[in-house]
N, C-alpha and C. Protein backbone atom coordinates (compact mmCIF):
# COMPACT_ATOMS: atom_id res chain seq x y z
N MET A 1 6.80 4.81 17.56
CA MET A 1 5.68 4.43 16.68
C MET A 1 6.30 3.94 15.35
N ASN A 2 5.72 2.92 14.82
CA ASN A 2 6.05 2.39 13.47
C ASN A 2 5.14 3.09 12.47
N TYR A 3 5.67 3.16 11.26
CA TYR A 3 4.87 3.75 10.18
C TYR A 3 4.91 2.81 9.01
N CYS A 4 3.78 2.60 8.40
CA CYS A 4 3.71 1.76 7.20
C CYS A 4 3.04 2.61 6.13
N TYR A 5 3.53 2.47 4.98
CA TYR A 5 3.06 3.32 3.87
C TYR A 5 3.05 2.46 2.63
N SER A 6 1.93 2.28 1.97
CA SER A 6 1.98 1.51 0.73
C SER A 6 1.74 2.44 -0.42
N ARG A 7 2.30 2.16 -1.56
CA ARG A 7 2.31 3.03 -2.66
C ARG A 7 2.26 2.36 -3.98
N ALA A 8 1.47 2.88 -4.86
CA ALA A 8 1.42 2.35 -6.26
C ALA A 8 1.31 3.60 -7.24
N ALA A 9 1.99 3.50 -8.30
CA ALA A 9 2.04 4.63 -9.19
C ALA A 9 1.10 4.51 -10.41
N LEU A 10 1.10 3.33 -10.97
CA LEU A 10 0.39 3.13 -12.21
C LEU A 10 -1.09 3.42 -12.19
N ASN A 11 -1.76 3.11 -11.05
CA ASN A 11 -3.15 3.32 -11.03
C ASN A 11 -3.51 4.62 -10.25
N GLY A 12 -2.59 5.39 -9.88
CA GLY A 12 -2.87 6.62 -9.30
C GLY A 12 -3.48 6.56 -7.88
N ASN A 13 -3.15 5.50 -7.15
CA ASN A 13 -3.58 5.36 -5.72
C ASN A 13 -5.04 5.12 -5.59
N ILE A 14 -5.61 4.33 -6.54
CA ILE A 14 -7.07 4.01 -6.41
C ILE A 14 -7.36 2.51 -6.50
N CYS A 15 -6.35 1.69 -6.60
CA CYS A 15 -6.60 0.22 -6.68
C CYS A 15 -5.79 -0.57 -5.66
N ARG A 16 -4.51 -0.88 -5.99
CA ARG A 16 -3.73 -1.73 -5.15
C ARG A 16 -3.39 -1.12 -3.85
N SER A 17 -2.83 0.06 -3.78
CA SER A 17 -2.36 0.62 -2.53
C SER A 17 -3.52 0.93 -1.53
N PRO A 18 -4.68 1.41 -1.95
CA PRO A 18 -5.75 1.54 -0.97
C PRO A 18 -6.22 0.20 -0.41
N ILE A 19 -6.12 -0.87 -1.23
CA ILE A 19 -6.48 -2.21 -0.73
C ILE A 19 -5.48 -2.58 0.38
N ALA A 20 -4.18 -2.42 0.05
CA ALA A 20 -3.13 -2.75 1.03
C ALA A 20 -3.32 -1.94 2.25
N GLU A 21 -3.54 -0.62 2.15
CA GLU A 21 -3.72 0.26 3.27
C GLU A 21 -4.86 -0.25 4.17
N ALA A 22 -6.03 -0.56 3.54
CA ALA A 22 -7.19 -1.00 4.31
C ALA A 22 -6.93 -2.36 4.99
N VAL A 23 -6.27 -3.24 4.25
CA VAL A 23 -5.99 -4.55 4.84
C VAL A 23 -5.05 -4.41 6.04
N PHE A 24 -4.02 -3.64 5.88
CA PHE A 24 -3.03 -3.43 6.97
C PHE A 24 -3.75 -2.78 8.18
N ARG A 25 -4.55 -1.76 7.91
CA ARG A 25 -5.19 -1.08 9.00
C ARG A 25 -6.15 -2.05 9.77
N LYS A 26 -6.81 -2.94 9.04
CA LYS A 26 -7.68 -3.89 9.70
C LYS A 26 -6.83 -4.88 10.53
N LEU A 27 -5.74 -5.37 9.99
CA LEU A 27 -4.80 -6.27 10.73
C LEU A 27 -4.32 -5.65 12.03
N VAL A 28 -3.85 -4.45 11.97
CA VAL A 28 -3.34 -3.82 13.19
C VAL A 28 -4.44 -3.54 14.22
N THR A 29 -5.63 -3.26 13.69
CA THR A 29 -6.79 -3.07 14.59
C THR A 29 -7.16 -4.42 15.24
N ASP A 30 -7.24 -5.47 14.44
CA ASP A 30 -7.57 -6.79 15.02
C ASP A 30 -6.50 -7.28 15.99
N GLU A 31 -5.26 -6.90 15.79
CA GLU A 31 -4.18 -7.30 16.68
C GLU A 31 -4.06 -6.36 17.91
N LYS A 32 -4.94 -5.34 17.89
CA LYS A 32 -4.93 -4.28 18.94
C LYS A 32 -3.53 -3.62 19.07
N VAL A 33 -2.92 -3.33 17.91
CA VAL A 33 -1.67 -2.55 17.88
C VAL A 33 -1.80 -1.30 17.00
N GLU A 34 -3.03 -0.89 16.77
CA GLU A 34 -3.20 0.28 15.87
C GLU A 34 -2.57 1.54 16.41
N ASN A 35 -2.37 1.62 17.77
CA ASN A 35 -1.71 2.82 18.30
C ASN A 35 -0.19 2.80 18.02
N LYS A 36 0.34 1.71 17.50
CA LYS A 36 1.76 1.64 17.15
C LYS A 36 2.03 1.90 15.68
N TRP A 37 0.95 2.09 14.87
CA TRP A 37 1.11 2.17 13.46
C TRP A 37 0.34 3.34 12.93
N MET A 38 0.97 4.12 11.99
CA MET A 38 0.32 5.10 11.15
C MET A 38 0.36 4.54 9.73
N THR A 39 -0.77 4.41 9.12
CA THR A 39 -0.87 3.75 7.89
C THR A 39 -1.47 4.69 6.81
N ASP A 40 -0.88 4.72 5.63
CA ASP A 40 -1.37 5.59 4.55
C ASP A 40 -0.98 4.96 3.26
N SER A 41 -1.46 5.58 2.15
CA SER A 41 -1.00 5.15 0.86
C SER A 41 -1.04 6.41 -0.08
N ALA A 42 -0.27 6.37 -1.11
CA ALA A 42 -0.16 7.50 -2.04
C ALA A 42 0.44 6.99 -3.32
N ALA A 43 0.43 7.90 -4.34
CA ALA A 43 0.99 7.60 -5.68
C ALA A 43 2.09 8.58 -6.03
N VAL A 44 2.95 8.23 -6.92
CA VAL A 44 3.90 9.21 -7.47
C VAL A 44 3.21 10.19 -8.35
N SER A 45 2.25 9.72 -9.14
CA SER A 45 1.55 10.60 -10.07
C SER A 45 0.45 11.35 -9.36
N ASP A 46 -0.07 12.40 -9.99
CA ASP A 46 -1.18 13.17 -9.42
C ASP A 46 -2.48 12.87 -10.19
N TRP A 47 -2.49 11.85 -10.92
CA TRP A 47 -3.65 11.54 -11.80
C TRP A 47 -5.01 11.56 -11.08
N ASN A 48 -5.10 11.00 -9.89
CA ASN A 48 -6.39 10.85 -9.26
C ASN A 48 -6.50 11.48 -7.88
N VAL A 49 -5.70 12.45 -7.63
CA VAL A 49 -5.64 13.03 -6.34
C VAL A 49 -7.05 13.53 -5.95
N GLY A 50 -7.43 13.14 -4.72
CA GLY A 50 -8.74 13.54 -4.19
C GLY A 50 -9.86 12.55 -4.51
N ARG A 51 -9.61 11.56 -5.40
CA ARG A 51 -10.67 10.62 -5.76
C ARG A 51 -10.65 9.47 -4.74
N SER A 52 -11.84 8.84 -4.65
CA SER A 52 -12.02 7.63 -3.87
C SER A 52 -11.40 6.45 -4.66
N PRO A 53 -11.14 5.31 -3.96
CA PRO A 53 -10.67 4.16 -4.64
C PRO A 53 -11.64 3.70 -5.75
N ASP A 54 -11.11 2.94 -6.66
CA ASP A 54 -11.89 2.33 -7.72
C ASP A 54 -13.07 1.55 -7.09
N ALA A 55 -14.24 1.67 -7.72
CA ALA A 55 -15.44 0.98 -7.19
C ALA A 55 -15.23 -0.53 -7.00
N ARG A 56 -14.45 -1.14 -7.88
CA ARG A 56 -14.16 -2.60 -7.72
C ARG A 56 -13.28 -2.86 -6.50
N ALA A 57 -12.36 -1.99 -6.20
CA ALA A 57 -11.55 -2.09 -5.05
C ALA A 57 -12.41 -2.00 -3.76
N LEU A 58 -13.31 -0.99 -3.79
CA LEU A 58 -14.19 -0.82 -2.58
C LEU A 58 -15.13 -2.00 -2.45
N SER A 59 -15.63 -2.53 -3.52
CA SER A 59 -16.54 -3.68 -3.51
C SER A 59 -15.80 -4.91 -2.93
N CYS A 60 -14.57 -5.09 -3.41
CA CYS A 60 -13.79 -6.22 -2.90
C CYS A 60 -13.53 -6.11 -1.38
N LEU A 61 -13.19 -4.90 -0.92
CA LEU A 61 -12.93 -4.72 0.48
C LEU A 61 -14.24 -5.00 1.27
N ARG A 62 -15.38 -4.39 0.77
CA ARG A 62 -16.68 -4.60 1.50
C ARG A 62 -17.04 -6.09 1.57
N ASN A 63 -16.70 -6.87 0.50
CA ASN A 63 -16.96 -8.30 0.52
C ASN A 63 -16.19 -8.99 1.64
N HIS A 64 -15.15 -8.38 2.11
CA HIS A 64 -14.35 -8.90 3.19
C HIS A 64 -14.61 -8.21 4.53
N GLY A 65 -15.61 -7.36 4.54
CA GLY A 65 -15.96 -6.67 5.81
C GLY A 65 -15.05 -5.53 6.14
N ILE A 66 -14.43 -4.96 5.14
CA ILE A 66 -13.47 -3.83 5.38
C ILE A 66 -14.01 -2.60 4.66
N MET A 67 -14.03 -1.48 5.39
CA MET A 67 -14.48 -0.22 4.81
C MET A 67 -13.26 0.65 4.59
N SER A 68 -13.35 1.58 3.64
CA SER A 68 -12.27 2.51 3.35
C SER A 68 -12.83 3.90 3.02
N ALA A 69 -12.25 4.88 3.66
CA ALA A 69 -12.62 6.29 3.38
C ALA A 69 -11.45 6.94 2.68
N HIS A 70 -10.55 6.22 2.12
CA HIS A 70 -9.35 6.75 1.50
C HIS A 70 -9.65 7.72 0.35
N LYS A 71 -8.84 8.73 0.24
CA LYS A 71 -8.83 9.62 -0.91
C LYS A 71 -7.42 9.66 -1.51
N ALA A 72 -7.29 9.50 -2.77
CA ALA A 72 -5.98 9.42 -3.44
C ALA A 72 -5.17 10.66 -3.16
N ARG A 73 -3.89 10.49 -3.00
CA ARG A 73 -3.02 11.63 -2.82
C ARG A 73 -1.65 11.28 -3.45
N GLN A 74 -0.86 12.29 -3.64
CA GLN A 74 0.44 12.13 -4.20
C GLN A 74 1.52 12.08 -3.08
N VAL A 75 2.56 11.23 -3.30
CA VAL A 75 3.62 11.11 -2.38
C VAL A 75 4.31 12.46 -2.19
N THR A 76 4.72 12.72 -0.94
CA THR A 76 5.45 14.01 -0.65
C THR A 76 6.86 13.72 -0.12
N LYS A 77 7.69 14.73 -0.13
CA LYS A 77 8.99 14.59 0.50
C LYS A 77 8.90 14.22 1.97
N ASP A 78 7.88 14.75 2.70
CA ASP A 78 7.71 14.46 4.07
C ASP A 78 7.51 12.96 4.31
N ASP A 79 6.88 12.29 3.38
CA ASP A 79 6.61 10.88 3.51
C ASP A 79 7.90 10.08 3.72
N PHE A 80 8.89 10.48 3.02
CA PHE A 80 10.24 9.81 3.10
C PHE A 80 10.90 10.08 4.39
N GLN A 81 10.60 11.23 5.03
CA GLN A 81 11.15 11.61 6.33
C GLN A 81 10.31 11.11 7.54
N THR A 82 9.03 10.80 7.28
CA THR A 82 8.10 10.40 8.37
C THR A 82 7.97 8.89 8.50
N PHE A 83 7.78 8.21 7.39
CA PHE A 83 7.46 6.76 7.43
C PHE A 83 8.74 5.95 7.61
N ASP A 84 8.64 4.88 8.42
CA ASP A 84 9.74 3.95 8.51
C ASP A 84 9.81 3.03 7.37
N TYR A 85 8.68 2.67 6.83
CA TYR A 85 8.61 1.71 5.66
C TYR A 85 7.75 2.31 4.60
N ILE A 86 8.21 2.23 3.38
CA ILE A 86 7.38 2.50 2.22
C ILE A 86 7.40 1.25 1.42
N LEU A 87 6.24 0.64 1.30
CA LEU A 87 6.13 -0.69 0.58
C LEU A 87 5.37 -0.44 -0.69
N CYS A 88 5.94 -0.94 -1.80
CA CYS A 88 5.38 -0.73 -3.07
C CYS A 88 5.02 -1.96 -3.77
N MET A 89 4.34 -1.88 -4.92
CA MET A 89 3.69 -3.01 -5.56
C MET A 89 4.47 -3.65 -6.68
N ASP A 90 5.33 -2.91 -7.35
CA ASP A 90 6.06 -3.48 -8.46
C ASP A 90 7.45 -2.79 -8.62
N GLU A 91 8.21 -3.28 -9.56
CA GLU A 91 9.56 -2.78 -9.69
C GLU A 91 9.64 -1.39 -10.28
N SER A 92 8.62 -0.98 -11.04
CA SER A 92 8.55 0.36 -11.55
C SER A 92 8.35 1.34 -10.34
N ASN A 93 7.45 0.96 -9.47
CA ASN A 93 7.19 1.71 -8.26
C ASN A 93 8.48 1.86 -7.39
N LEU A 94 9.18 0.73 -7.28
CA LEU A 94 10.42 0.71 -6.50
C LEU A 94 11.43 1.65 -7.08
N ARG A 95 11.62 1.61 -8.37
CA ARG A 95 12.59 2.55 -9.03
C ARG A 95 12.19 4.01 -8.82
N ASP A 96 10.90 4.29 -9.06
CA ASP A 96 10.43 5.66 -8.91
C ASP A 96 10.63 6.18 -7.46
N LEU A 97 10.30 5.32 -6.46
CA LEU A 97 10.45 5.70 -5.12
C LEU A 97 11.87 5.93 -4.72
N LYS A 98 12.74 4.99 -5.12
CA LYS A 98 14.17 5.18 -4.79
C LYS A 98 14.79 6.42 -5.41
N ARG A 99 14.36 6.71 -6.61
CA ARG A 99 14.84 7.91 -7.28
C ARG A 99 14.35 9.14 -6.51
N LYS A 100 13.11 9.22 -6.12
CA LYS A 100 12.58 10.32 -5.34
C LYS A 100 13.23 10.42 -4.01
N SER A 101 13.52 9.26 -3.37
CA SER A 101 14.06 9.32 -2.01
C SER A 101 15.50 9.85 -2.02
N ASN A 102 16.20 9.70 -3.15
CA ASN A 102 17.54 10.28 -3.30
C ASN A 102 17.54 11.75 -3.30
N GLN A 103 16.37 12.38 -3.53
CA GLN A 103 16.29 13.82 -3.60
C GLN A 103 15.83 14.40 -2.27
N VAL A 104 15.67 13.55 -1.26
CA VAL A 104 15.15 13.95 0.05
C VAL A 104 16.20 13.88 1.12
N LYS A 105 16.51 15.02 1.73
CA LYS A 105 17.44 15.05 2.89
C LYS A 105 16.88 14.29 4.04
N ASP A 106 17.62 13.51 4.71
CA ASP A 106 17.22 12.80 5.86
C ASP A 106 16.10 11.76 5.59
N CYS A 107 16.18 11.09 4.47
CA CYS A 107 15.24 10.01 4.20
C CYS A 107 15.46 8.87 5.17
N LYS A 108 14.42 8.52 5.92
CA LYS A 108 14.58 7.42 6.87
C LYS A 108 13.79 6.17 6.42
N ALA A 109 12.96 6.28 5.42
CA ALA A 109 12.08 5.20 5.01
C ALA A 109 12.84 4.06 4.35
N LYS A 110 12.53 2.83 4.78
CA LYS A 110 13.06 1.65 4.10
C LYS A 110 12.04 1.35 2.96
N ILE A 111 12.51 1.36 1.74
CA ILE A 111 11.68 1.26 0.57
C ILE A 111 11.86 -0.14 0.01
N GLU A 112 10.75 -0.89 -0.06
CA GLU A 112 10.82 -2.25 -0.57
C GLU A 112 9.51 -2.69 -1.16
N LEU A 113 9.59 -3.83 -1.89
CA LEU A 113 8.34 -4.38 -2.43
C LEU A 113 7.54 -5.07 -1.35
N LEU A 114 6.24 -4.80 -1.30
CA LEU A 114 5.38 -5.46 -0.35
C LEU A 114 5.46 -6.97 -0.60
N GLY A 115 5.58 -7.35 -1.84
CA GLY A 115 5.61 -8.81 -2.21
C GLY A 115 6.85 -9.54 -1.64
N THR A 116 7.82 -8.87 -1.15
CA THR A 116 8.94 -9.55 -0.59
C THR A 116 8.52 -10.31 0.68
N TYR A 117 7.40 -9.97 1.26
CA TYR A 117 6.91 -10.60 2.47
C TYR A 117 5.92 -11.76 2.15
N ASP A 118 5.64 -11.98 0.91
CA ASP A 118 4.62 -12.97 0.52
C ASP A 118 5.12 -14.38 0.79
N PRO A 119 4.51 -15.16 1.65
CA PRO A 119 4.94 -16.52 1.86
C PRO A 119 4.81 -17.39 0.61
N GLN A 120 3.99 -17.00 -0.34
CA GLN A 120 3.78 -17.70 -1.59
C GLN A 120 4.73 -17.21 -2.66
N LYS A 121 5.63 -16.25 -2.32
CA LYS A 121 6.70 -15.83 -3.18
C LYS A 121 6.21 -15.06 -4.46
N GLN A 122 4.98 -14.47 -4.38
CA GLN A 122 4.50 -13.66 -5.45
C GLN A 122 5.01 -12.21 -5.24
N LEU A 123 6.20 -11.93 -5.87
CA LEU A 123 6.90 -10.70 -5.58
C LEU A 123 6.15 -9.44 -6.06
N ILE A 124 5.53 -9.58 -7.17
CA ILE A 124 4.82 -8.38 -7.79
C ILE A 124 3.32 -8.47 -7.54
N ILE A 125 2.76 -7.36 -7.10
CA ILE A 125 1.28 -7.24 -7.03
C ILE A 125 0.81 -6.48 -8.23
N GLU A 126 0.21 -7.20 -9.19
CA GLU A 126 -0.15 -6.65 -10.48
C GLU A 126 -1.33 -5.68 -10.31
N ASP A 127 -1.29 -4.65 -11.16
CA ASP A 127 -2.37 -3.67 -11.21
C ASP A 127 -3.67 -4.29 -11.77
N PRO A 128 -4.74 -4.30 -11.03
CA PRO A 128 -5.97 -4.88 -11.54
C PRO A 128 -6.84 -3.92 -12.33
N TYR A 129 -6.46 -2.73 -12.52
CA TYR A 129 -7.32 -1.72 -13.10
C TYR A 129 -7.94 -2.13 -14.42
N TYR A 130 -7.21 -2.76 -15.30
CA TYR A 130 -7.83 -3.15 -16.61
C TYR A 130 -8.36 -4.57 -16.58
N GLY A 131 -8.44 -5.15 -15.36
CA GLY A 131 -8.95 -6.49 -15.20
C GLY A 131 -10.40 -6.50 -14.72
N ASN A 132 -10.74 -7.62 -14.01
CA ASN A 132 -12.09 -7.79 -13.53
C ASN A 132 -12.09 -7.99 -11.98
N GLU A 133 -13.24 -8.33 -11.45
CA GLU A 133 -13.36 -8.41 -10.02
C GLU A 133 -12.43 -9.56 -9.45
N LYS A 134 -12.21 -10.59 -10.25
CA LYS A 134 -11.26 -11.71 -9.85
C LYS A 134 -9.85 -11.12 -9.64
N ASP A 135 -9.46 -10.19 -10.47
CA ASP A 135 -8.11 -9.57 -10.38
C ASP A 135 -8.00 -8.74 -9.06
N PHE A 136 -9.09 -8.10 -8.75
CA PHE A 136 -9.07 -7.34 -7.46
C PHE A 136 -9.01 -8.31 -6.27
N GLU A 137 -9.70 -9.39 -6.37
CA GLU A 137 -9.67 -10.43 -5.31
C GLU A 137 -8.20 -10.96 -5.18
N THR A 138 -7.55 -11.15 -6.29
CA THR A 138 -6.19 -11.67 -6.24
C THR A 138 -5.28 -10.63 -5.54
N VAL A 139 -5.43 -9.35 -5.82
CA VAL A 139 -4.68 -8.29 -5.15
C VAL A 139 -4.95 -8.33 -3.66
N TYR A 140 -6.25 -8.44 -3.31
CA TYR A 140 -6.67 -8.53 -1.91
C TYR A 140 -5.95 -9.65 -1.21
N GLU A 141 -6.03 -10.86 -1.81
CA GLU A 141 -5.43 -12.04 -1.15
C GLU A 141 -3.92 -11.89 -1.02
N GLN A 142 -3.23 -11.30 -2.06
CA GLN A 142 -1.80 -11.04 -1.94
C GLN A 142 -1.52 -10.05 -0.80
N CYS A 143 -2.33 -9.02 -0.73
CA CYS A 143 -2.09 -7.98 0.34
C CYS A 143 -2.29 -8.56 1.68
N VAL A 144 -3.24 -9.43 1.89
CA VAL A 144 -3.47 -10.10 3.18
C VAL A 144 -2.25 -10.87 3.57
N ARG A 145 -1.82 -11.77 2.68
CA ARG A 145 -0.64 -12.57 2.94
C ARG A 145 0.58 -11.71 3.27
N CYS A 146 0.83 -10.75 2.44
CA CYS A 146 2.02 -9.89 2.63
C CYS A 146 1.94 -9.02 3.87
N CYS A 147 0.83 -8.43 4.11
CA CYS A 147 0.68 -7.55 5.26
C CYS A 147 0.77 -8.35 6.61
N LYS A 148 0.20 -9.52 6.64
CA LYS A 148 0.34 -10.39 7.76
C LYS A 148 1.79 -10.71 8.04
N ALA A 149 2.49 -11.10 7.01
CA ALA A 149 3.92 -11.48 7.20
C ALA A 149 4.78 -10.24 7.60
N PHE A 150 4.51 -9.14 6.98
CA PHE A 150 5.18 -7.91 7.33
C PHE A 150 4.95 -7.54 8.78
N LEU A 151 3.72 -7.58 9.18
CA LEU A 151 3.34 -7.20 10.58
C LEU A 151 3.98 -8.22 11.56
N GLU A 152 4.03 -9.52 11.27
CA GLU A 152 4.65 -10.43 12.19
C GLU A 152 6.17 -10.15 12.31
N LYS A 153 6.82 -9.81 11.20
CA LYS A 153 8.24 -9.52 11.19
C LYS A 153 8.56 -8.21 11.91
N SER A 154 7.66 -7.23 11.78
CA SER A 154 7.93 -5.88 12.22
C SER A 154 7.70 -5.61 13.70
N HIS A 155 6.99 -6.46 14.38
CA HIS A 155 6.74 -6.18 15.83
C HIS A 155 6.84 -7.39 16.68
């Protein structure tokens, strides 16, 4: 089984990473390979643990026919031992994750930027929290491009 895990720290797992998680989950379902993937998202911080995604993120997903029941959670040591891939949104996330992974025995996760898969070469997925609906749509579009390319490469 493959495992995909997206993660963002700055927004506390309520904007970018839940969008990426929902997009990836829909893609694997549409491709009928959902039994090969376990998908989740989390944050380094505990700011919003237990909360639903930002209302603008949920609205953006609904506009694209995607539903999400995600609840924010904090990354755990087990995540580094369970997931094959941990995909993050920006370089700050990447640094934080790599630092945390160095503290985990038997870390098997490949940690990288989700944007490295973007055919349009948009490496960083910016946090839309302080933006508007258009910014959430931009995140959604980036996640679709990146997740499709990642899925094509991974199976």
